[in-house]
C-alpha atoms as a PDB file:
ATOM      1  CA  MET A   1     175.509 112.935 135.810  1.00  0.00           C
ATOM      2  CA  LYS A   2     176.765 113.504 139.356  1.00  0.00           C
ATOM      3  CA  ARG A   3     174.624 116.635 139.649  1.00  0.00           C
ATOM      4  CA  PHE A   4     171.558 114.672 138.576  1.00  0.00           C
ATOM      5  CA  VAL A   5     172.169 111.998 141.234  1.00  0.00           C
ATOM      6  CA  VAL A   6     172.786 114.637 143.909  1.00  0.00           C
ATOM      7  CA  CYS A   7     169.549 116.437 142.940  1.00  0.00           C
ATOM      8  CA  LEU A   8     167.627 113.185 143.131  1.00  0.00           C
ATOM      9  CA  LEU A   9     169.080 112.427 146.563  1.00  0.00           C
ATOM     10  CA  LEU A  10     168.222 115.904 147.864  1.00  0.00           C
ATOM     11  CA  LEU A  11     164.713 115.599 146.487  1.00  0.00           C
ATOM     12  CA  ALA A  12     164.242 112.190 148.120  1.00  0.00           C
ATOM     13  CA  ILE A  13     165.568 113.432 151.468  1.00  0.00           C
ATOM     14  CA  SER A  14     163.296 116.493 151.427  1.00  0.00           C
ATOM     15  CA  ALA A  15     160.282 114.344 150.521  1.00  0.00           C
ATOM     16  CA  LEU A  16     161.047 111.975 153.395  1.00  0.00           C
ATOM     17  CA  SER A  17     161.448 114.834 155.858  1.00  0.00           C
ATOM     18  CA  ILE A  18     158.117 116.357 154.780  1.00  0.00           C
ATOM     19  CA  GLY A  19     156.476 112.942 155.155  1.00  0.00           C
ATOM     20  CA  ALA A  20     157.987 112.528 158.611  1.00  0.00           C
ATOM     21  CA  GLN A  21     156.715 115.957 159.659  1.00  0.00           C
ATOM     22  CA  ASN A  22     153.217 115.156 158.383  1.00  0.00           C
ATOM     23  CA  SER A  23     153.026 111.828 160.209  1.00  0.00           C
ATOM     24  CA  SER A  24     153.977 113.521 163.478  1.00  0.00           C
ATOM     25  CA  SER A  25     151.303 116.202 163.175  1.00  0.00           C
ATOM     26  CA  PRO A  26     148.235 115.783 165.375  1.00  0.00           C
ATOM     27  CA  GLU A  27     145.991 115.612 162.312  1.00  0.00           C
ATOM     28  CA  ALA A  28     148.027 112.763 160.812  1.00  0.00           C
ATOM     29  CA  ARG A  29     148.103 110.881 164.126  1.00  0.00           C
ATOM     30  CA  ILE A  30     144.322 111.222 164.554  1.00  0.00           C
ATOM     31  CA  ASN A  31     143.827 110.092 160.970  1.00  0.00           C
ATOM     32  CA  LEU A  32     145.825 106.941 161.690  1.00  0.00           C
ATOM     33  CA  LEU A  33     143.938 106.338 164.942  1.00  0.00           C
ATOM     34  CA  LEU A  34     140.595 106.679 163.136  1.00  0.00           C
ATOM     35  CA  GLN A  35     141.714 104.269 160.440  1.00  0.00           C
ATOM     36  CA  ASP A  36     142.617 101.794 163.174  1.00  0.00           C
ATOM     37  CA  ASP A  37     139.385 102.028 165.218  1.00  0.00           C
ATOM     38  CA  LEU A  38     137.354 104.928 166.580  1.00  0.00           C
ATOM     39  CA  TYR A  39     136.089 103.119 169.659  1.00  0.00           C
ATOM     40  CA  ARG A  40     139.377 101.573 170.713  1.00  0.00           C
ATOM     41  CA  ASN A  41     141.208 104.903 170.298  1.00  0.00           C
ATOM     42  CA  PHE A  42     138.421 107.229 171.464  1.00  0.00           C
ATOM     43  CA  ASP A  43     140.336 108.745 174.394  1.00  0.00           C
ATOM     44  CA  LEU A  44     143.509 109.318 172.359  1.00  0.00           C
ATOM     45  CA  ILE A  45     141.514 110.923 169.540  1.00  0.00           C
ATOM     46  CA  SER A  46     139.715 113.204 172.017  1.00  0.00           C
ATOM     47  CA  ALA A  47     143.004 114.308 173.589  1.00  0.00           C
ATOM     48  CA  GLU A  48     144.767 114.908 170.258  1.00  0.00           C
ATOM     49  CA  SER A  49     141.800 116.748 168.717  1.00  0.00           C
ATOM     50  CA  SER A  50     142.227 119.599 171.212  1.00  0.00           C
ATOM     51  CA  LEU A  51     145.423 120.474 169.327  1.00  0.00           C
ATOM     52  CA  LEU A  52     143.588 120.918 166.014  1.00  0.00           C
ATOM     53  CA  THR A  53     141.846 123.873 164.473  1.00  0.00           C
ATOM     54  CA  ASP A  54     138.121 123.729 163.771  1.00  0.00           C
ATOM     55  CA  GLU A  55     138.859 123.349 160.063  1.00  0.00           C
ATOM     56  CA  GLN A  56     141.173 120.376 160.647  1.00  0.00           C
ATOM     57  CA  ARG A  57     138.605 118.682 162.902  1.00  0.00           C
ATOM     58  CA  TYR A  58     135.842 119.179 160.349  1.00  0.00           C
ATOM     59  CA  ARG A  59     138.107 117.847 157.582  1.00  0.00           C
ATOM     60  CA  LEU A  60     138.802 114.708 159.631  1.00  0.00           C
ATOM     61  CA  PHE A  61     135.101 114.312 160.411  1.00  0.00           C
ATOM     62  CA  THR A  62     134.060 114.491 156.754  1.00  0.00           C
ATOM     63  CA  ALA A  63     136.863 112.120 155.748  1.00  0.00           C
ATOM     64  CA  HIS A  64     135.793 109.456 158.267  1.00  0.00           C
ATOM     65  CA  GLU A  65     132.034 110.038 158.357  1.00  0.00           C
ATOM     66  CA  ASN A  66     130.022 106.826 157.989  1.00  0.00           C
ATOM     67  CA  ASP A  67     127.619 106.859 155.027  1.00  0.00           C
ATOM     68  CA  PRO A  68     124.795 104.278 155.283  1.00  0.00           C
ATOM     69  CA  THR A  69     123.878 104.257 151.563  1.00  0.00           C
ATOM     70  CA  THR A  70     126.096 101.422 150.322  1.00  0.00           C
ATOM     71  CA  PRO A  71     125.433  99.138 153.318  1.00  0.00           C
ATOM     72  CA  PHE A  72     121.694  99.780 152.956  1.00  0.00           C
ATOM     73  CA  VAL A  73     121.729  98.800 149.279  1.00  0.00           C
ATOM     74  CA  LEU A  74     123.829  95.700 150.012  1.00  0.00           C
ATOM     75  CA  ASN A  75     121.464  94.624 152.796  1.00  0.00           C
ATOM     76  CA  LEU A  76     118.506  95.278 150.495  1.00  0.00           C
ATOM     77  CA  ILE A  77     119.856  93.323 147.522  1.00  0.00           C
ATOM     78  CA  VAL A  78     122.199  90.704 148.977  1.00  0.00           C
ATOM     79  CA  GLY A  79     120.832  90.484 152.526  1.00  0.00           C
ATOM     80  CA  LEU A  80     122.273  88.282 155.274  1.00  0.00           C
ATOM     81  CA  GLY A  81     123.974  91.251 156.959  1.00  0.00           C
ATOM     82  CA  VAL A  82     126.535  91.790 154.186  1.00  0.00           C
ATOM     83  CA  GLY A  83     126.002  95.552 154.253  1.00  0.00           C
ATOM     84  CA  SER A  84     126.560  95.673 157.999  1.00  0.00           C
ATOM     85  CA  PHE A  85     129.828  93.765 157.646  1.00  0.00           C
ATOM     86  CA  VAL A  86     130.945  96.173 154.899  1.00  0.00           C
ATOM     87  CA  GLN A  87     130.029  99.093 157.167  1.00  0.00           C
ATOM     88  CA  GLY A  88     132.202  97.683 159.953  1.00  0.00           C
ATOM     89  CA  ASP A  89     129.239  96.713 162.141  1.00  0.00           C
ATOM     90  CA  ILE A  90     130.197  93.153 163.059  1.00  0.00           C
ATOM     91  CA  ALA A  91     127.480  92.698 165.714  1.00  0.00           C
ATOM     92  CA  GLY A  92     124.753  93.917 163.351  1.00  0.00           C
ATOM     93  CA  GLY A  93     126.118  91.729 160.569  1.00  0.00           C
ATOM     94  CA  LEU A  94     126.120  88.633 162.775  1.00  0.00           C
ATOM     95  CA  VAL A  95     122.554  89.264 163.980  1.00  0.00           C
ATOM     96  CA  GLY A  96     121.418  89.911 160.404  1.00  0.00           C
ATOM     97  CA  LEU A  97     123.161  86.772 159.182  1.00  0.00           C
ATOM     98  CA  GLY A  98     121.683  84.708 162.020  1.00  0.00           C
ATOM     99  CA  LEU A  99     118.146  85.933 161.388  1.00  0.00           C
ATOM    100  CA  GLY A 100     118.492  85.300 157.665  1.00  0.00           C
ATOM    101  CA  VAL A 101     119.843  81.779 158.108  1.00  0.00           C
ATOM    102  CA  VAL A 102     117.251  80.842 160.755  1.00  0.00           C
ATOM    103  CA  GLY A 103     114.412  82.276 158.662  1.00  0.00           C
ATOM    104  CA  LEU A 104     115.511  80.531 155.491  1.00  0.00           C
ATOM    105  CA  GLY A 105     116.183  77.265 157.295  1.00  0.00           C
ATOM    106  CA  THR A 106     112.804  77.287 159.036  1.00  0.00           C
ATOM    107  CA  THR A 107     110.993  78.092 155.799  1.00  0.00           C
ATOM    108  CA  MET A 108     112.755  75.306 153.916  1.00  0.00           C
ATOM    109  CA  ALA A 109     112.169  72.818 156.755  1.00  0.00           C
ATOM    110  CA  GLY A 110     108.475  73.717 156.692  1.00  0.00           C
ATOM    111  CA  TYR A 111     108.322  73.263 152.937  1.00  0.00           C
ATOM    112  CA  PHE A 112     109.923  69.820 153.070  1.00  0.00           C
ATOM    113  CA  TYR A 113     107.781  68.830 156.047  1.00  0.00           C
ATOM    114  CA  LEU A 114     104.627  69.921 154.185  1.00  0.00           C
ATOM    115  CA  VAL A 115     105.637  68.084 151.020  1.00  0.00           C
ATOM    116  CA  ASP A 116     106.378  64.965 153.053  1.00  0.00           C
ATOM    117  CA  GLU A 117     103.016  65.191 154.838  1.00  0.00           C
ATOM    118  CA  LEU A 118     101.112  65.627 151.598  1.00  0.00           C
ATOM    119  CA  ALA A 119     103.007  62.994 149.623  1.00  0.00           C
ATOM    120  CA  ASN A 120     103.076  60.192 152.183  1.00  0.00           C
ATOM    121  CA  ASP A 121      99.551  60.281 153.595  1.00  0.00           C
ATOM    122  CA  PRO A 122      96.740  60.295 151.004  1.00  0.00           C
ATOM    123  CA  GLU A 123      94.104  60.352 153.737  1.00  0.00           C
ATOM    124  CA  PHE A 124      95.775  63.420 155.246  1.00  0.00           C
ATOM    125  CA  VAL A 125      95.442  65.249 151.936  1.00  0.00           C
ATOM    126  CA  ALA A 126      91.739  64.482 151.670  1.00  0.00           C
ATOM    127  CA  ALA A 127      90.906  65.139 155.334  1.00  0.00           C
ATOM    128  CA  ALA A 128      93.056  68.127 156.315  1.00  0.00           C
ATOM    129  CA  ASP A 129      93.389  71.659 155.151  1.00  0.00           C
ATOM    130  CA  PRO A 130      97.047  72.229 154.107  1.00  0.00           C
ATOM    131  CA  ILE A 131      97.018  75.604 155.883  1.00  0.00           C
ATOM    132  CA  SER A 132      96.519  73.933 159.253  1.00  0.00           C
ATOM    133  CA  THR A 133      99.503  71.593 158.894  1.00  0.00           C
ATOM    134  CA  ASP A 134     102.743  71.862 160.852  1.00  0.00           C
ATOM    135  CA  GLY A 135     104.691  72.313 157.640  1.00  0.00           C
ATOM    136  CA  PHE A 136     102.667  75.361 156.664  1.00  0.00           C
ATOM    137  CA  ARG A 137     103.084  76.828 160.155  1.00  0.00           C
ATOM    138  CA  LEU A 138     106.857  76.410 159.857  1.00  0.00           C
ATOM    139  CA  ILE A 139     106.764  78.143 156.484  1.00  0.00           C
ATOM    140  CA  LEU A 140     104.866  81.069 158.019  1.00  0.00           C
ATOM    141  CA  LEU A 141     107.239  81.229 160.977  1.00  0.00           C
ATOM    142  CA  GLY A 142     110.319  81.150 158.745  1.00  0.00           C
ATOM    143  CA  THR A 143     108.880  83.797 156.450  1.00  0.00           C
ATOM    144  CA  GLY A 144     108.133  86.006 159.450  1.00  0.00           C
ATOM    145  CA  VAL A 145     111.653  85.607 160.818  1.00  0.00           C
ATOM    146  CA  SER A 146     113.117  86.346 157.363  1.00  0.00           C
ATOM    147  CA  LEU A 147     110.946  89.437 156.945  1.00  0.00           C
ATOM    148  CA  GLY A 148     111.778  90.650 160.456  1.00  0.00           C
ATOM    149  CA  GLY A 149     115.474  90.050 159.772  1.00  0.00           C
ATOM    150  CA  ALA A 150     115.280  92.029 156.527  1.00  0.00           C
ATOM    151  CA  ILE A 151     113.660  94.966 158.307  1.00  0.00           C
ATOM    152  CA  TYR A 152     116.261  94.746 161.086  1.00  0.00           C
ATOM    153  CA  ARG A 153     119.144  94.757 158.584  1.00  0.00           C
ATOM    154  CA  LEU A 154     117.790  97.786 156.727  1.00  0.00           C
ATOM    155  CA  VAL A 155     117.166  99.815 159.880  1.00  0.00           C
ATOM    156  CA  ARG A 156     120.447  98.743 161.491  1.00  0.00           C
ATOM    157  CA  THR A 157     122.556 100.396 158.767  1.00  0.00           C
ATOM    158  CA  PHE A 158     121.106 103.794 159.666  1.00  0.00           C
ATOM    159  CA  THR A 159     121.197 103.365 163.447  1.00  0.00           C
ATOM    160  CA  TYR A 160     124.813 102.187 163.354  1.00  0.00           C
ATOM    161  CA  SER A 161     125.806 105.014 161.029  1.00  0.00           C
ATOM    162  CA  ASN A 162     124.109 107.642 163.205  1.00  0.00           C
ATOM    163  CA  ARG A 163     125.740 106.289 166.375  1.00  0.00           C
ATOM    164  CA  TYR A 164     129.188 106.108 164.733  1.00  0.00           C
ATOM    165  CA  ASN A 165     128.921 109.663 163.370  1.00  0.00           C
ATOM    166  CA  ARG A 166     127.719 110.986 166.743  1.00  0.00           C
ATOM    167  CA  ASP A 167     130.663 109.312 168.493  1.00  0.00           C
ATOM    168  CA  LEU A 168     133.044 110.655 165.855  1.00  0.00           C
ATOM    169  CA  GLN A 169     131.702 114.160 166.492  1.00  0.00           C
ATOM    170  CA  LEU A 170     132.238 113.712 170.215  1.00  0.00           C
ATOM    171  CA  ALA A 171     135.780 112.396 169.775  1.00  0.00           C
ATOM    172  CA  LEU A 172     136.756 115.240 167.439  1.00  0.00           C
ATOM    173  CA  SER A 173     134.733 117.904 169.286  1.00  0.00           C
ATOM    174  CA  VAL A 174     132.902 118.847 166.091  1.00  0.00           C
ATOM    175  CA  TYR A 175     129.537 120.492 166.700  1.00  0.00           C
END
C-alpha cells in the first residue's frame, strides 16, 4: 500500500513539474496572452513570438484564427448584432444592435401613426393616399434603416474577422 501511495505522489509531482514547464514556455505564454486579448497584449505577443519556431507560430495562428461563419449565421438569423458580440466585436455588435432597434422602433412608430391617422379621421381616409402619409414615410424609413443595419451586420462579421486575422499574423510574424 505504501508503494502505491509513493507511486501516486511521484506521478503527481512529475505531472505538476511538466505542467509548470509548459506554462513557462513562450508558446504557452503567448497562448494565454491571446486568450486574454490580442490587441491589449499585441506588443508582448510580438516580442515572445520571436522565440518560437515557424511551426509553433503557425499552430498558434490556426488555434486562434477568427472564423466568421458562426457570427455571420447568427447575424443572419437572429440579427441585432448577436453574431458580432459572439465574435468578440463589441463595437460592431453595439452598432448592429442600435441600427436594429432604431429601425424596428421607427417602423413600429410609423405603423401605429398610420393606423391612428386612418382610424381617427374618416375624411383623411377618403381624401388622402395612404402612401403619402407621415406614418407610411416612417415605415419606409424604419424599413430602410433595418435593411441597412442587416447588411452592415453581415458585412461587419467578415471585415472584423479579416482585420483580426491580419493583426494576429502580424503579432505572431506568420506570413
